[in-house]
């Protein structure tokens, strides 16, 4: 007598998004095991998405030419649909004993109906702050953003102002439903 399995393995849609916040003219390749994930090396302030399944214990090696600039080890993956954002940035001077140039920050976005924004501090320097302002429409608002946070935001156009070293810089971006972004001053 044959029996059919009652339980079925869950099928999650997960995506890896890698961003290069390493201020250098050197670009970065991303390697998982023996597989080169990047078709073209990532330039500074460039992000790329990969439909590469990840599991605990996977290592992502970041290479600049033939040299390894850093290695990120996956410790856990969510058991739901998700986008995993990994930001490669300059390693702080005090933490450079590993011999690698890169350090990493990450965030996992879960599915949501609103646009989502993660504020990731990849800036290794004097204290900085960031604010967000809505642009256009009848109502203008400004709000201080804290590093290491994520929030849902309404669709629309926003100005992001980063104040570091006393020099405010502004970027504009448009948020759409079910989209996500990661702000990474580098």
Protein backbone atom coordinates (compact mmCIF):
# COMPACT_ATOMS: atom_id res chain seq x y z
CA UNK A 1 0.00 0.00 0.00
CA UNK A 2 1.40 3.40 -1.01
CA UNK A 3 0.89 6.50 1.05
CA UNK A 4 1.24 10.08 -0.03
CA UNK A 5 3.16 12.61 1.95
CA UNK A 6 0.94 14.88 4.00
CA UNK A 7 3.58 17.53 4.61
CA UNK A 8 5.14 19.51 1.82
CA UNK A 9 8.31 21.59 2.12
CA UNK A 10 7.53 25.30 2.12
CA UNK A 11 8.57 27.18 -0.99
CA UNK A 12 9.73 30.67 -0.08
CA UNK A 13 10.64 33.38 -2.55
CA UNK A 14 13.82 34.95 -1.33
CA UNK A 15 16.12 37.38 -3.05
CA UNK A 16 19.61 38.63 -2.25
CA UNK A 17 20.32 42.31 -2.91
CA UNK A 18 23.96 43.37 -2.54
CA UNK A 19 25.03 47.03 -2.38
CA UNK A 20 28.56 48.40 -2.65
CA UNK A 21 29.02 51.29 -0.18
CA UNK A 22 32.82 50.95 -0.23
CA UNK A 23 34.19 54.35 -1.36
CA UNK A 24 36.78 53.24 -3.89
CA UNK A 25 37.43 53.21 -7.59
CA UNK A 26 37.76 49.45 -7.27
CA UNK A 27 34.65 47.45 -8.09
CA UNK A 28 33.53 44.29 -6.31
CA UNK A 29 32.62 40.82 -7.51
CA UNK A 30 30.45 38.59 -5.33
CA UNK A 31 31.28 34.86 -5.22
CA UNK A 32 29.27 32.10 -3.49
CA UNK A 33 31.20 28.85 -3.32
CA UNK A 34 32.51 28.30 -6.85
CA UNK A 35 29.81 30.50 -8.45
CA UNK A 36 30.43 34.08 -9.54
CA UNK A 37 27.12 35.87 -8.80
CA UNK A 38 27.92 39.24 -10.40
CA UNK A 39 27.79 39.47 -14.20
CA UNK A 40 29.64 42.78 -13.95
CA UNK A 41 31.54 43.95 -10.85
CA UNK A 42 29.58 46.29 -8.56
CA UNK A 43 30.74 49.89 -8.70
CA UNK A 44 30.61 52.20 -5.66
CA UNK A 45 26.96 53.01 -4.73
CA UNK A 46 25.63 50.32 -7.06
CA UNK A 47 23.28 47.52 -5.99
CA UNK A 48 22.40 44.27 -7.72
CA UNK A 49 19.77 41.63 -7.01
CA UNK A 50 20.27 37.88 -7.25
CA UNK A 51 17.76 35.03 -7.13
CA UNK A 52 20.34 32.97 -5.31
CA UNK A 53 19.04 30.74 -2.50
CA UNK A 54 20.93 31.18 0.75
CA UNK A 55 21.24 28.85 3.71
CA UNK A 56 22.94 29.03 7.08
CA UNK A 57 26.68 28.54 6.67
CA UNK A 58 26.93 30.00 3.15
CA UNK A 59 29.89 32.32 2.59
CA UNK A 60 29.72 35.27 0.21
CA UNK A 61 33.21 36.32 -0.84
CA UNK A 62 33.72 39.87 -2.09
CA UNK A 63 36.64 40.19 -4.47
CA UNK A 64 38.39 43.23 -5.88
CA UNK A 65 40.28 41.85 -8.86
CA UNK A 66 41.91 38.64 -7.59
CA UNK A 67 42.13 39.82 -3.97
CA UNK A 68 39.53 38.97 -1.34
CA UNK A 69 38.22 42.22 0.17
CA UNK A 70 35.86 40.54 2.66
CA UNK A 71 33.75 37.48 3.43
CA UNK A 72 30.17 37.50 4.76
CA UNK A 73 28.87 34.36 6.46
CA UNK A 74 25.12 33.68 6.50
CA UNK A 75 24.09 32.62 10.01
CA UNK A 76 20.36 32.24 9.48
CA UNK A 77 17.70 32.79 6.82
CA UNK A 78 14.05 33.67 7.42
CA UNK A 79 11.38 31.05 6.94
CA UNK A 80 9.17 33.34 4.84
CA UNK A 81 9.31 35.36 1.62
CA UNK A 82 12.00 37.99 2.02
CA UNK A 83 14.55 40.23 0.40
CA UNK A 84 17.92 40.08 2.12
CA UNK A 85 19.90 43.32 1.69
CA UNK A 86 23.64 43.11 2.27
CA UNK A 87 25.72 46.31 2.26
CA UNK A 88 29.49 46.03 1.85
CA UNK A 89 31.26 49.05 3.35
CA UNK A 90 34.66 50.22 4.53
CA UNK A 91 35.86 48.44 7.66
CA UNK A 92 36.51 50.77 10.59
CA UNK A 93 40.21 51.34 11.29
CA UNK A 94 39.96 49.72 14.73
CA UNK A 95 38.45 46.56 13.29
CA UNK A 96 40.99 45.99 10.52
CA UNK A 97 42.93 43.19 12.22
CA UNK A 98 41.22 40.64 9.94
CA UNK A 99 43.25 41.94 7.00
CA UNK A 100 40.09 42.57 4.97
CA UNK A 101 39.02 45.99 3.74
CA UNK A 102 35.26 45.34 3.96
CA UNK A 103 32.70 45.02 6.69
CA UNK A 104 29.00 44.25 6.22
CA UNK A 105 25.58 45.44 7.36
CA UNK A 106 22.38 43.62 6.53
CA UNK A 107 18.61 43.85 6.75
CA UNK A 108 15.80 41.43 5.89
CA UNK A 109 12.67 42.92 4.33
CA UNK A 110 9.48 40.92 4.89
CA UNK A 111 6.56 41.25 2.44
CA UNK A 112 4.44 44.39 2.93
CA UNK A 113 1.89 46.40 0.97
CA UNK A 114 3.71 49.70 1.54
CA UNK A 115 7.11 50.80 0.34
CA UNK A 116 9.83 50.02 2.89
CA UNK A 117 12.94 51.95 3.80
CA UNK A 118 15.93 50.74 5.84
CA UNK A 119 18.41 53.29 7.19
CA UNK A 120 21.83 51.64 7.33
CA UNK A 121 24.89 53.53 8.59
CA UNK A 122 27.81 52.52 6.38
CA UNK A 123 29.67 55.75 7.12
CA UNK A 124 32.83 55.27 9.19
CA UNK A 125 33.54 58.77 10.35
CA UNK A 126 32.40 61.47 12.76
CA UNK A 127 28.78 61.32 13.84
CA UNK A 128 26.24 62.03 11.14
CA UNK A 129 22.47 62.37 11.01
CA UNK A 130 19.79 61.89 8.39
CA UNK A 131 16.35 63.34 7.78
CA UNK A 132 13.61 62.65 5.25
CA UNK A 133 11.21 65.19 3.76
CA UNK A 134 8.23 64.71 1.50
CA UNK A 135 8.36 66.64 -1.77
CA UNK A 136 5.41 68.19 -3.59
CA UNK A 137 1.74 68.04 -2.76
CA UNK A 138 -0.07 70.39 -0.41
CA UNK A 139 1.59 69.15 2.73
CA UNK A 140 5.33 69.16 3.42
CA UNK A 141 6.74 67.13 6.32
CA UNK A 142 10.19 66.48 7.66
CA UNK A 143 11.20 63.68 9.97
CA UNK A 144 14.48 62.64 11.58
CA UNK A 145 15.60 59.09 10.70
CA UNK A 146 17.56 56.87 13.05
CA UNK A 147 20.27 54.59 11.73
CA UNK A 148 19.58 50.90 12.16
CA UNK A 149 15.83 51.29 11.63
CA UNK A 150 13.36 50.27 8.95
CA UNK A 151 9.93 51.71 8.29
CA UNK A 152 7.01 51.55 5.91
CA UNK A 153 6.48 54.74 3.90
CA UNK A 154 3.74 56.01 1.63
CA UNK A 155 4.23 56.12 -2.12
CA UNK A 156 5.63 59.45 -3.26
CA UNK A 157 8.76 61.48 -3.85
CA UNK A 158 11.14 62.15 -0.98
CA UNK A 159 14.28 64.17 -0.33
CA UNK A 160 16.82 62.52 1.94
CA UNK A 161 19.28 64.85 3.66
CA UNK A 162 22.44 63.43 5.19
CA UNK A 163 24.57 65.69 7.36
CA UNK A 164 28.10 64.38 7.81
CA UNK A 165 31.22 66.43 8.53
CA UNK A 166 29.04 69.56 8.52
CA UNK A 167 28.28 69.15 4.81
CA UNK A 168 24.64 68.27 4.17
CA UNK A 169 24.00 66.23 1.04
CA UNK A 170 20.59 65.67 -0.49
CA UNK A 171 19.26 62.91 -2.73
CA UNK A 172 15.79 62.52 -4.13
CA UNK A 173 13.99 59.22 -4.59
CA UNK A 174 10.52 57.95 -5.43
CA UNK A 175 8.91 55.25 -3.32
CA UNK A 176 6.32 52.94 -4.85
CA UNK A 177 4.00 50.38 -3.25
CA UNK A 178 5.70 47.07 -2.41
CA UNK A 179 9.14 48.49 -3.26
CA UNK A 180 12.07 48.78 -0.89
CA UNK A 181 15.18 50.82 -0.50
CA UNK A 182 18.22 50.96 1.72
CA UNK A 183 19.86 54.27 2.55
CA UNK A 184 23.55 53.78 3.07
CA UNK A 185 25.77 56.80 3.50
CA UNK A 186 29.20 55.57 2.47
